Amino acid sequence: DPKAMIKGTKMAFPGLKKDEDLANVIAYLKQFSK
């Protein structure tokens, strides 16, 4: 829970509407896990 860890932090994220957008984000993040 980010709000409990750091007071005054806002982490609002409405989500991704398209499956393609989600796939792009996952591919981007996988670059850093090698």
PDB file of N, CA and C in Angstrom:
ATOM      1  N   ASP A   1       0.842  -1.190   0.000  1.00  0.00           N
ATOM      2  CA  ASP A   1       0.000   0.000   0.000  1.00  0.00           C
ATOM      3  C   ASP A   1       0.884   1.249   0.000  1.00  0.00           C
ATOM      4  N   PRO A   2       1.063   1.894  -1.151  1.00  0.00           N
ATOM      5  CA  PRO A   2       1.943   3.065  -1.246  1.00  0.00           C
ATOM      6  C   PRO A   2       1.529   4.221  -0.341  1.00  0.00           C
ATOM      7  N   LYS A   3       0.228   4.405  -0.165  1.00  0.00           N
ATOM      8  CA  LYS A   3      -0.234   5.526   0.662  1.00  0.00           C
ATOM      9  C   LYS A   3       0.154   5.342   2.122  1.00  0.00           C
ATOM     10  N   ALA A   4       0.230   4.110   2.581  1.00  0.00           N
ATOM     11  CA  ALA A   4       0.613   3.848   3.965  1.00  0.00           C
ATOM     12  C   ALA A   4       2.120   4.032   4.155  1.00  0.00           C
ATOM     13  N   MET A   5       2.896   3.730   3.127  1.00  0.00           N
ATOM     14  CA  MET A   5       4.354   3.829   3.223  1.00  0.00           C
ATOM     15  C   MET A   5       4.838   5.274   3.193  1.00  0.00           C
ATOM     16  N   ILE A   6       4.317   6.040   2.246  1.00  0.00           N
ATOM     17  CA  ILE A   6       4.760   7.428   2.076  1.00  0.00           C
ATOM     18  C   ILE A   6       3.525   8.316   2.063  1.00  0.00           C
ATOM     19  N   LYS A   7       3.388   9.106   3.100  1.00  0.00           N
ATOM     20  CA  LYS A   7       2.215   9.966   3.208  1.00  0.00           C
ATOM     21  C   LYS A   7       2.235  11.034   2.123  1.00  0.00           C
ATOM     22  N   GLY A   8       1.055  11.356   1.602  1.00  0.00           N
ATOM     23  CA  GLY A   8       0.935  12.411   0.598  1.00  0.00           C
ATOM     24  C   GLY A   8       1.256  11.961  -0.819  1.00  0.00           C
ATOM     25  N   THR A   9       1.470  10.665  -0.995  1.00  0.00           N
ATOM     26  CA  THR A   9       1.789  10.146  -2.324  1.00  0.00           C
ATOM     27  C   THR A   9       0.502   9.793  -3.052  1.00  0.00           C
ATOM     28  N   LYS A  10       0.454  10.140  -4.327  1.00  0.00           N
ATOM     29  CA  LYS A  10      -0.700   9.774  -5.142  1.00  0.00           C
ATOM     30  C   LYS A  10      -0.227   8.838  -6.239  1.00  0.00           C
ATOM     31  N   MET A  11      -0.815   7.674  -6.294  1.00  0.00           N
ATOM     32  CA  MET A  11      -0.471   6.705  -7.333  1.00  0.00           C
ATOM     33  C   MET A  11      -1.737   6.261  -8.056  1.00  0.00           C
ATOM     34  N   ALA A  12      -2.477   7.213  -8.565  1.00  0.00           N
ATOM     35  CA  ALA A  12      -3.696   6.879  -9.287  1.00  0.00           C
ATOM     36  C   ALA A  12      -3.324   6.366 -10.676  1.00  0.00           C
ATOM     37  N   PHE A  13      -3.792   5.193 -11.016  1.00  0.00           N
ATOM     38  CA  PHE A  13      -3.544   4.621 -12.337  1.00  0.00           C
ATOM     39  C   PHE A  13      -4.829   3.960 -12.810  1.00  0.00           C
ATOM     40  N   PRO A  14      -5.459   4.534 -13.822  1.00  0.00           N
ATOM     41  CA  PRO A  14      -6.754   4.012 -14.273  1.00  0.00           C
ATOM     42  C   PRO A  14      -6.672   2.692 -15.032  1.00  0.00           C
ATOM     43  N   GLY A  15      -5.468   2.283 -15.394  1.00  0.00           N
ATOM     44  CA  GLY A  15      -5.322   1.035 -16.140  1.00  0.00           C
ATOM     45  C   GLY A  15      -5.136   1.290 -17.619  1.00  0.00           C
ATOM     46  N   LEU A  16      -4.950   0.228 -18.353  1.00  0.00           N
ATOM     47  CA  LEU A  16      -4.752   0.323 -19.796  1.00  0.00           C
ATOM     48  C   LEU A  16      -5.994  -0.206 -20.491  1.00  0.00           C
ATOM     49  N   LYS A  17      -6.482   0.568 -21.445  1.00  0.00           N
ATOM     50  CA  LYS A  17      -7.726   0.203 -22.120  1.00  0.00           C
ATOM     51  C   LYS A  17      -7.511  -0.890 -23.178  1.00  0.00           C
ATOM     52  N   LYS A  18      -6.385  -0.808 -23.882  1.00  0.00           N
ATOM     53  CA  LYS A  18      -6.155  -1.742 -24.982  1.00  0.00           C
ATOM     54  C   LYS A  18      -5.172  -2.839 -24.577  1.00  0.00           C
ATOM     55  N   ASP A  19      -5.425  -4.052 -25.042  1.00  0.00           N
ATOM     56  CA  ASP A  19      -4.510  -5.172 -24.787  1.00  0.00           C
ATOM     57  C   ASP A  19      -3.134  -4.885 -25.379  1.00  0.00           C
ATOM     58  N   GLU A  20      -3.118  -4.192 -26.522  1.00  0.00           N
ATOM     59  CA  GLU A  20      -1.845  -3.858 -27.171  1.00  0.00           C
ATOM     60  C   GLU A  20      -0.999  -2.957 -26.276  1.00  0.00           C
ATOM     61  N   ASP A  21      -1.634  -1.997 -25.615  1.00  0.00           N
ATOM     62  CA  ASP A  21      -0.909  -1.106 -24.701  1.00  0.00           C
ATOM     63  C   ASP A  21      -0.310  -1.897 -23.542  1.00  0.00           C
ATOM     64  N   LEU A  22      -1.070  -2.822 -23.005  1.00  0.00           N
ATOM     65  CA  LEU A  22      -0.585  -3.651 -21.903  1.00  0.00           C
ATOM     66  C   LEU A  22       0.609  -4.493 -22.356  1.00  0.00           C
ATOM     67  N   ALA A  23       0.514  -5.071 -23.535  1.00  0.00           N
ATOM     68  CA  ALA A  23       1.607  -5.884 -24.069  1.00  0.00           C
ATOM     69  C   ALA A  23       2.860  -5.035 -24.264  1.00  0.00           C
ATOM     70  N   ASN A  24       2.693  -3.793 -24.702  1.00  0.00           N
ATOM     71  CA  ASN A  24       3.839  -2.905 -24.898  1.00  0.00           C
ATOM     72  C   ASN A  24       4.511  -2.567 -23.575  1.00  0.00           C
ATOM     73  N   VAL A  25       3.728  -2.326 -22.543  1.00  0.00           N
ATOM     74  CA  VAL A  25       4.288  -2.017 -21.224  1.00  0.00           C
ATOM     75  C   VAL A  25       5.043  -3.228 -20.679  1.00  0.00           C
ATOM     76  N   ILE A  26       4.475  -4.411 -20.828  1.00  0.00           N
ATOM     77  CA  ILE A  26       5.131  -5.629 -20.348  1.00  0.00           C
ATOM     78  C   ILE A  26       6.443  -5.852 -21.092  1.00  0.00           C
ATOM     79  N   ALA A  27       6.443  -5.650 -22.401  1.00  0.00           N
ATOM     80  CA  ALA A  27       7.667  -5.820 -23.186  1.00  0.00           C
ATOM     81  C   ALA A  27       8.723  -4.815 -22.750  1.00  0.00           C
ATOM     82  N   TYR A  28       8.304  -3.601 -22.475  1.00  0.00           N
ATOM     83  CA  TYR A  28       9.229  -2.559 -22.014  1.00  0.00           C
ATOM     84  C   TYR A  28       9.857  -2.949 -20.678  1.00  0.00           C
ATOM     85  N   LEU A  29       9.041  -3.412 -19.744  1.00  0.00           N
ATOM     86  CA  LEU A  29       9.551  -3.769 -18.423  1.00  0.00           C
ATOM     87  C   LEU A  29      10.461  -4.994 -18.471  1.00  0.00           C
ATOM     88  N   LYS A  30      10.189  -5.912 -19.388  1.00  0.00           N
ATOM     89  CA  LYS A  30      11.018  -7.119 -19.510  1.00  0.00           C
ATOM     90  C   LYS A  30      12.445  -6.789 -19.928  1.00  0.00           C
ATOM     91  N   GLN A  31      12.646  -5.651 -20.583  1.00  0.00           N
ATOM     92  CA  GLN A  31      13.994  -5.250 -20.992  1.00  0.00           C
ATOM     93  C   GLN A  31      14.912  -5.103 -19.783  1.00  0.00           C
ATOM     94  N   PHE A  32      14.350  -4.744 -18.644  1.00  0.00           N
ATOM     95  CA  PHE A  32      15.141  -4.438 -17.462  1.00  0.00           C
ATOM     96  C   PHE A  32      15.330  -5.639 -16.541  1.00  0.00           C
ATOM     97  N   SER A  33      14.723  -6.763 -16.870  1.00  0.00           N
ATOM     98  CA  SER A  33      14.795  -7.924 -15.982  1.00  0.00           C
ATOM     99  C   SER A  33      15.790  -8.974 -16.479  1.00  0.00           C
ATOM    100  N   LYS A  34      16.671  -8.589 -17.372  1.00  0.00           N
ATOM    101  CA  LYS A  34      17.640  -9.552 -17.924  1.00  0.00           C
ATOM    102  C   LYS A  34      18.852  -9.682 -17.048  1.00  0.00           C
TER     103      LYS A  34
END
